[in-house]
Amino acid sequence: MIQDAGARITDPDARARFEQAALVVCERETPGRAKPIIAMIAQKLHPVPLAERHAEAAAGRRVWVRDLDDGMAELAAVLPAALAYAIRDRLTQHAREVIAARRATADPVAEEPADTVSAATDARTADQVRADALTDLLLTGHATTPVSSSSTPAGQAITAHVQIIIPVDTLTGEGTAPAELIGYGPIDPDTARRLAATADLWERVFTSPTTGAVQHVDTYRPNRAQRRHLDARDEHCRFPGCRRPVYYCDHDHTLDHARGGPTDVCNLANLCVRHHTLKHASAWTVTQKPHGILEWTSPTGRIHLDIPRRVLEFTALTATEDPPPF
């Protein structure tokens, strides 16, 4: 495994460093677990950046057919790894839809739609369904209802899912360290950045600078519970004096997520589009205090406190009560 992963490292010093690091992994892990770790180490220690090697390799992408016996042929392709894994994932999702429909129609209690009767006699394996879905998608543009046992609706919106881990310097373009396609191994930085740019959700992983251990994970977008909390707390835009309702607002990171701000209710607040833009494009600044209180500082240095309505109401009512006798 070490020999295969390091075969393309021709520099003697880099090869020696790679082998030392790979041995540390192999002393502690099974071959299956060690393989992707060793592949990533090899890419990081290779003297030629992965982006350059990937560009050269991608120029050789191709599709070919090899004849087999018994009226069969083998269709093969060499593609960038992220695309190949995405294609397989989409085919797997189609296959799951077909198999799920087959099981549903086999249930005598289930109500059987007129166009899924043939699914009850479908005995194909998952590999066979994937192969049929590939044929349908390439020849017709979608998994056709008749060919896929009348169980996958034509044009159904099934999209591929791949998981990529990208070092932050690589994501911002400041570094050239390879990203990792989970289940495969290293991929080039340009591909990783392109996939990240279209992702609906990012998860940020914080690791220890001394041990590499994962310390914390958060996402850029708040989860459903956090959004409910923020909308109940804020009720409107949190810029001083603004009453724009929360359903017209953005959930803004008080300390920018790109600067390390966590996706947490103590670092989030509702801002309308106008004041969200003002926060990022002007000299106004804001910090968040306990209990959701925002401290805004104007360009002239004047401080304005924006206090959530319920906190302000509670404070006002408390102030009207009789002071303690002591």
Protein backbone atom coordinates (compact mmCIF):
# COMPACT_ATOMS: atom_id res chain seq x y z
CA MET A 1 0.00 0.00 0.00
CA ILE A 2 2.82 2.41 0.87
CA GLN A 3 4.62 1.46 -2.34
CA ASP A 4 1.53 2.14 -4.47
CA ALA A 5 0.65 5.45 -2.80
CA GLY A 6 4.22 6.78 -3.02
CA ALA A 7 5.06 5.46 -6.48
CA ARG A 8 4.79 8.90 -8.10
CA ILE A 9 6.97 10.67 -5.53
CA THR A 10 10.35 10.62 -7.26
CA ASP A 11 12.14 13.14 -5.04
CA PRO A 12 14.24 11.06 -2.57
CA ASP A 13 13.79 13.41 0.40
CA ALA A 14 10.03 13.71 -0.10
CA ARG A 15 9.75 9.95 -0.58
CA ALA A 16 11.64 9.31 2.68
CA ARG A 17 9.39 11.70 4.60
CA PHE A 18 6.31 10.08 3.09
CA GLU A 19 7.41 6.56 4.02
CA GLN A 20 8.15 7.58 7.61
CA ALA A 21 4.72 9.18 7.98
CA ALA A 22 2.98 6.25 6.27
CA LEU A 23 4.62 3.75 8.63
CA VAL A 24 3.26 5.64 11.63
CA VAL A 25 -0.26 5.22 10.22
CA CYS A 26 0.22 1.56 9.29
CA GLU A 27 1.45 0.68 12.77
CA ARG A 28 -1.92 1.76 14.18
CA GLU A 29 -4.57 1.14 11.52
CA THR A 30 -6.01 -1.65 9.40
CA PRO A 31 -5.22 -1.58 5.66
CA GLY A 32 -8.74 -0.38 4.81
CA ARG A 33 -8.55 2.56 7.20
CA ALA A 34 -4.93 3.35 6.44
CA LYS A 35 -5.30 3.59 2.65
CA PRO A 36 -7.10 6.98 2.39
CA ILE A 37 -4.88 8.49 5.10
CA ILE A 38 -1.71 7.39 3.31
CA ALA A 39 -3.07 8.67 -0.02
CA MET A 40 -3.67 12.10 1.52
CA ILE A 41 -0.18 12.16 3.08
CA ALA A 42 1.34 11.28 -0.30
CA GLN A 43 -0.48 14.17 -1.97
CA LYS A 44 0.55 16.65 0.72
CA LEU A 45 4.22 15.66 0.52
CA HIS A 46 4.40 15.41 -3.29
CA PRO A 47 6.76 18.17 -4.55
CA VAL A 48 4.48 18.95 -7.53
CA PRO A 49 1.13 20.56 -6.50
CA LEU A 50 -1.93 18.39 -7.05
CA ALA A 51 -3.58 21.10 -9.15
CA GLU A 52 -0.87 20.80 -11.79
CA ARG A 53 -0.96 16.99 -11.81
CA HIS A 54 -4.78 16.95 -11.94
CA ALA A 55 -4.87 19.37 -14.91
CA GLU A 56 -2.55 17.08 -16.84
CA ALA A 57 -4.51 13.97 -15.88
CA ALA A 58 -7.90 15.56 -16.67
CA ALA A 59 -6.73 16.21 -20.22
CA GLY A 60 -6.81 12.45 -20.69
CA ARG A 61 -10.48 11.98 -19.76
CA ARG A 62 -12.25 9.66 -22.17
CA VAL A 63 -14.98 7.07 -22.70
CA TRP A 64 -14.50 3.73 -24.39
CA VAL A 65 -16.25 0.44 -25.08
CA ARG A 66 -14.69 -3.02 -24.71
CA ASP A 67 -16.40 -5.98 -26.35
CA LEU A 68 -17.40 -8.91 -24.14
CA ASP A 69 -18.86 -12.33 -24.86
CA ASP A 70 -22.53 -13.29 -25.12
CA GLY A 71 -23.70 -10.10 -26.78
CA MET A 72 -22.40 -7.81 -24.00
CA ALA A 73 -19.97 -4.91 -23.95
CA GLU A 74 -18.28 -2.88 -21.24
CA LEU A 75 -18.73 0.90 -21.16
CA ALA A 76 -15.95 2.64 -19.23
CA ALA A 77 -14.89 6.22 -18.59
CA VAL A 78 -11.99 8.07 -17.03
CA LEU A 79 -13.34 11.19 -15.30
CA PRO A 80 -12.38 13.53 -12.45
CA ALA A 81 -13.04 11.59 -9.25
CA ALA A 82 -15.67 14.01 -7.90
CA LEU A 83 -17.75 13.60 -11.08
CA ALA A 84 -17.37 9.82 -11.15
CA TYR A 85 -18.50 9.49 -7.53
CA ALA A 86 -21.36 11.92 -8.12
CA ILE A 87 -22.56 9.85 -11.10
CA ARG A 88 -22.49 6.69 -9.01
CA ASP A 89 -24.36 8.42 -6.18
CA ARG A 90 -27.11 9.62 -8.51
CA LEU A 91 -27.50 6.18 -10.03
CA THR A 92 -27.71 4.70 -6.52
CA GLN A 93 -30.47 7.15 -5.60
CA HIS A 94 -32.44 6.16 -8.70
CA ALA A 95 -31.95 2.50 -7.81
CA ARG A 96 -33.23 3.08 -4.29
CA GLU A 97 -36.35 4.78 -5.64
CA VAL A 98 -37.03 1.81 -7.91
CA ILE A 99 -36.45 -0.76 -5.16
CA ALA A 100 -38.58 1.20 -2.68
CA ALA A 101 -41.43 1.32 -5.19
CA ARG A 102 -41.04 -2.40 -5.81
CA ARG A 103 -41.38 -3.15 -2.12
CA ALA A 104 -44.39 -0.88 -1.80
CA THR A 105 -46.24 -2.60 -4.65
CA ALA A 106 -45.42 -6.01 -3.18
CA ASP A 107 -47.36 -5.07 -0.03
CA PRO A 108 -50.93 -6.40 -0.51
CA VAL A 109 -52.27 -3.61 1.72
CA ALA A 110 -50.65 -0.84 -0.30
CA GLU A 111 -52.80 0.98 -2.83
CA GLU A 112 -51.29 0.19 -6.24
CA PRO A 113 -51.22 3.05 -8.78
CA ALA A 114 -52.06 2.09 -12.33
CA ASP A 115 -48.59 2.89 -13.68
CA THR A 116 -46.61 0.80 -11.11
CA VAL A 117 -48.19 -2.62 -11.58
CA SER A 118 -45.10 -4.07 -13.27
CA ALA A 119 -42.87 -3.14 -10.30
CA ALA A 120 -44.34 -6.03 -8.30
CA THR A 121 -42.60 -8.52 -10.63
CA ASP A 122 -39.29 -6.61 -10.74
CA ALA A 123 -36.54 -8.91 -9.39
CA ARG A 124 -33.49 -6.87 -10.47
CA THR A 125 -30.55 -6.42 -8.12
CA ALA A 126 -29.31 -2.96 -7.11
CA ASP A 127 -26.40 -3.27 -9.58
CA GLN A 128 -28.81 -4.15 -12.37
CA VAL A 129 -31.08 -1.22 -11.56
CA ARG A 130 -28.08 1.14 -11.53
CA ALA A 131 -27.03 -0.14 -14.95
CA ASP A 132 -30.56 0.31 -16.33
CA ALA A 133 -30.85 3.81 -14.86
CA LEU A 134 -27.50 4.75 -16.43
CA THR A 135 -28.79 3.59 -19.81
CA ASP A 136 -32.05 5.52 -19.41
CA LEU A 137 -30.33 8.73 -18.30
CA LEU A 138 -27.76 8.70 -21.11
CA LEU A 139 -30.18 7.78 -23.86
CA THR A 140 -33.25 9.79 -22.82
CA GLY A 141 -32.05 12.46 -20.40
CA HIS A 142 -34.01 11.05 -17.46
CA ALA A 143 -34.92 7.73 -15.87
CA THR A 144 -37.93 6.86 -18.00
CA THR A 145 -41.02 5.44 -16.36
CA PRO A 146 -41.58 2.45 -18.70
CA VAL A 147 -37.98 1.21 -18.70
CA SER A 148 -37.48 1.62 -14.94
CA SER A 149 -40.35 -0.73 -14.11
CA SER A 150 -42.80 2.19 -14.12
CA SER A 151 -41.53 3.22 -10.70
CA THR A 152 -39.25 6.24 -11.17
CA PRO A 153 -41.21 9.31 -12.34
CA ALA A 154 -39.82 10.84 -15.51
CA GLY A 155 -37.67 13.88 -14.80
CA GLN A 156 -37.63 13.27 -11.04
CA ALA A 157 -35.24 15.69 -9.40
CA ILE A 158 -32.58 13.32 -8.11
CA THR A 159 -29.24 15.05 -7.65
CA ALA A 160 -25.86 13.67 -6.66
CA HIS A 161 -24.28 14.10 -3.23
CA VAL A 162 -20.57 14.03 -2.50
CA GLN A 163 -18.73 14.96 0.70
CA ILE A 164 -15.61 17.11 0.41
CA ILE A 165 -13.21 18.21 3.15
CA ILE A 166 -11.36 21.40 2.20
CA PRO A 167 -8.58 23.11 4.20
CA VAL A 168 -9.55 26.72 4.84
CA ASP A 169 -6.46 28.10 3.05
CA THR A 170 -7.33 26.03 0.00
CA LEU A 171 -10.94 27.24 0.11
CA THR A 172 -9.88 30.90 0.15
CA GLY A 173 -7.28 30.39 -2.59
CA GLU A 174 -4.35 31.18 -0.32
CA GLY A 175 -3.12 27.57 -0.14
CA THR A 176 -2.55 24.63 -2.47
CA ALA A 177 -3.11 21.72 -0.07
CA PRO A 178 -5.36 19.06 -1.63
CA ALA A 179 -8.96 18.61 -0.58
CA GLU A 180 -10.37 15.16 0.16
CA LEU A 181 -13.30 13.43 -1.51
CA ILE A 182 -14.68 11.12 1.18
CA GLY A 183 -14.62 7.53 -0.05
CA TYR A 184 -11.95 8.26 -2.66
CA GLY A 185 -9.08 10.43 -1.49
CA PRO A 186 -7.30 13.65 -2.57
CA ILE A 187 -8.77 15.92 -5.24
CA ASP A 188 -7.37 19.11 -6.72
CA PRO A 189 -8.09 22.52 -5.10
CA ASP A 190 -9.88 24.04 -8.11
CA THR A 191 -12.45 21.24 -8.23
CA ALA A 192 -12.99 21.49 -4.47
CA ARG A 193 -13.52 25.27 -4.62
CA ARG A 194 -15.95 24.92 -7.53
CA LEU A 195 -18.02 22.35 -5.65
CA ALA A 196 -17.96 24.46 -2.47
CA ALA A 197 -19.19 27.51 -4.39
CA THR A 198 -22.44 25.74 -5.31
CA ALA A 199 -23.00 23.89 -2.02
CA ASP A 200 -26.20 24.59 -0.10
CA LEU A 201 -24.59 23.84 3.24
CA TRP A 202 -21.07 24.04 4.63
CA GLU A 203 -19.90 22.47 7.85
CA ARG A 204 -16.86 24.09 9.41
CA VAL A 205 -14.56 21.70 11.30
CA PHE A 206 -12.20 23.11 13.93
CA THR A 207 -9.13 20.95 14.64
CA SER A 208 -6.43 21.26 17.27
CA PRO A 209 -3.22 22.89 15.95
CA THR A 210 -1.19 20.61 18.22
CA THR A 211 -2.94 17.23 17.86
CA GLY A 212 -5.15 17.52 14.75
CA ALA A 213 -8.16 16.30 16.75
CA VAL A 214 -11.62 17.63 15.85
CA GLN A 215 -12.65 20.11 18.54
CA HIS A 216 -15.85 21.66 17.19
CA VAL A 217 -18.12 21.59 14.13
CA ASP A 218 -20.60 24.22 13.03
CA THR A 219 -22.39 25.28 9.86
CA TYR A 220 -22.76 28.63 8.14
CA ARG A 221 -26.56 28.50 8.21
CA PRO A 222 -28.34 28.24 11.57
CA ASN A 223 -30.43 25.13 12.11
CA ARG A 224 -34.21 25.14 12.48
CA ALA A 225 -34.16 25.38 16.30
CA GLN A 226 -31.75 28.32 16.17
CA ARG A 227 -33.90 30.12 13.60
CA ARG A 228 -37.01 29.68 15.76
CA HIS A 229 -35.12 31.02 18.78
CA LEU A 230 -33.82 34.06 16.89
CA ASP A 231 -37.17 34.93 15.35
CA ALA A 232 -38.89 34.71 18.74
CA ARG A 233 -36.19 36.78 20.42
CA ASP A 234 -35.80 39.50 17.80
CA GLU A 235 -39.29 39.86 16.24
CA HIS A 236 -37.88 42.44 13.80
CA CYS A 237 -34.63 43.80 12.34
CA ARG A 238 -32.16 44.51 15.13
CA PHE A 239 -30.72 47.75 13.74
CA PRO A 240 -31.73 50.59 16.11
CA GLY A 241 -35.18 51.90 15.21
CA CYS A 242 -35.90 49.42 12.39
CA ARG A 243 -39.19 47.49 12.59
CA ARG A 244 -38.84 45.28 9.51
CA PRO A 245 -40.43 41.89 10.45
CA VAL A 246 -38.12 38.90 10.86
CA TYR A 247 -39.56 37.06 7.87
CA TYR A 248 -38.07 39.80 5.67
CA CYS A 249 -34.68 39.59 7.42
CA ASP A 250 -31.44 37.62 7.17
CA HIS A 251 -29.88 35.69 10.05
CA ASP A 252 -26.60 37.60 10.24
CA HIS A 253 -23.42 36.57 12.05
CA THR A 254 -22.52 39.46 14.37
CA LEU A 255 -18.87 38.41 14.17
CA ASP A 256 -18.51 37.31 10.56
CA HIS A 257 -18.43 33.56 10.01
CA ALA A 258 -15.44 34.04 7.70
CA ARG A 259 -13.56 35.65 10.60
CA GLY A 260 -14.26 32.78 12.98
CA GLY A 261 -17.68 33.79 14.29
CA PRO A 262 -19.68 30.73 15.41
CA THR A 263 -23.15 29.84 14.14
CA ASP A 264 -24.73 30.25 17.56
CA VAL A 265 -27.64 32.30 18.89
CA CYS A 266 -25.16 34.42 20.88
CA ASN A 267 -23.55 35.46 17.57
CA LEU A 268 -26.64 35.73 15.34
CA ALA A 269 -29.27 38.41 14.87
CA ASN A 270 -31.99 39.32 12.36
CA LEU A 271 -31.09 42.16 10.01
CA CYS A 272 -33.12 43.41 7.06
CA VAL A 273 -31.36 43.55 3.70
CA ARG A 274 -30.73 47.29 3.98
CA HIS A 275 -29.10 47.13 7.41
CA HIS A 276 -27.32 43.86 6.66
CA THR A 277 -25.64 45.69 3.78
CA LEU A 278 -24.97 48.70 6.01
CA LYS A 279 -23.18 46.51 8.55
CA HIS A 280 -20.79 45.08 5.96
CA ALA A 281 -20.33 48.08 3.66
CA SER A 282 -20.03 51.04 6.01
CA ALA A 283 -18.23 52.20 9.15
CA TRP A 284 -21.03 50.98 11.43
CA THR A 285 -19.87 48.18 13.77
CA VAL A 286 -21.75 45.89 16.14
CA THR A 287 -20.98 43.54 19.02
CA GLN A 288 -23.39 41.22 20.80
CA LYS A 289 -23.76 41.32 24.57
CA PRO A 290 -25.50 38.80 26.86
CA HIS A 291 -29.28 38.29 26.49
CA GLY A 292 -29.19 39.19 22.79
CA ILE A 293 -28.36 42.89 23.34
CA LEU A 294 -26.61 44.45 20.33
CA GLU A 295 -24.19 47.32 20.82
CA TRP A 296 -23.98 49.36 17.65
CA THR A 297 -21.26 51.98 17.13
CA SER A 298 -21.90 54.68 14.53
CA PRO A 299 -19.18 56.10 12.24
CA THR A 300 -18.93 59.08 14.62
CA GLY A 301 -18.30 56.79 17.61
CA ARG A 302 -21.71 57.13 19.23
CA ILE A 303 -23.01 53.93 20.86
CA HIS A 304 -26.59 52.73 20.39
CA LEU A 305 -27.93 49.75 22.34
CA ASP A 306 -30.61 47.62 20.70
CA ILE A 307 -32.31 45.51 23.37
CA PRO A 308 -34.72 42.65 22.56
CA ARG A 309 -38.29 43.70 23.33
CA ARG A 310 -38.91 41.06 25.98
CA VAL A 311 -35.68 41.87 27.83
CA LEU A 312 -36.46 45.58 27.72
CA GLU A 313 -40.03 44.98 28.90
CA PHE A 314 -38.86 42.79 31.79
CA THR A 315 -36.23 45.37 32.81
CA ALA A 316 -38.80 48.16 32.75
CA LEU A 317 -41.29 46.20 34.86
CA THR A 318 -38.62 45.23 37.36
CA ALA A 319 -37.64 48.87 37.79
CA THR A 320 -41.18 49.72 38.93
CA GLU A 321 -41.16 47.25 41.81
CA ASP A 322 -40.44 48.38 45.36
CA PRO A 323 -36.73 48.19 46.25
CA PRO A 324 -35.63 45.68 48.90
CA PRO A 325 -35.91 46.96 52.51
CA PHE A 326 -32.16 46.67 52.91
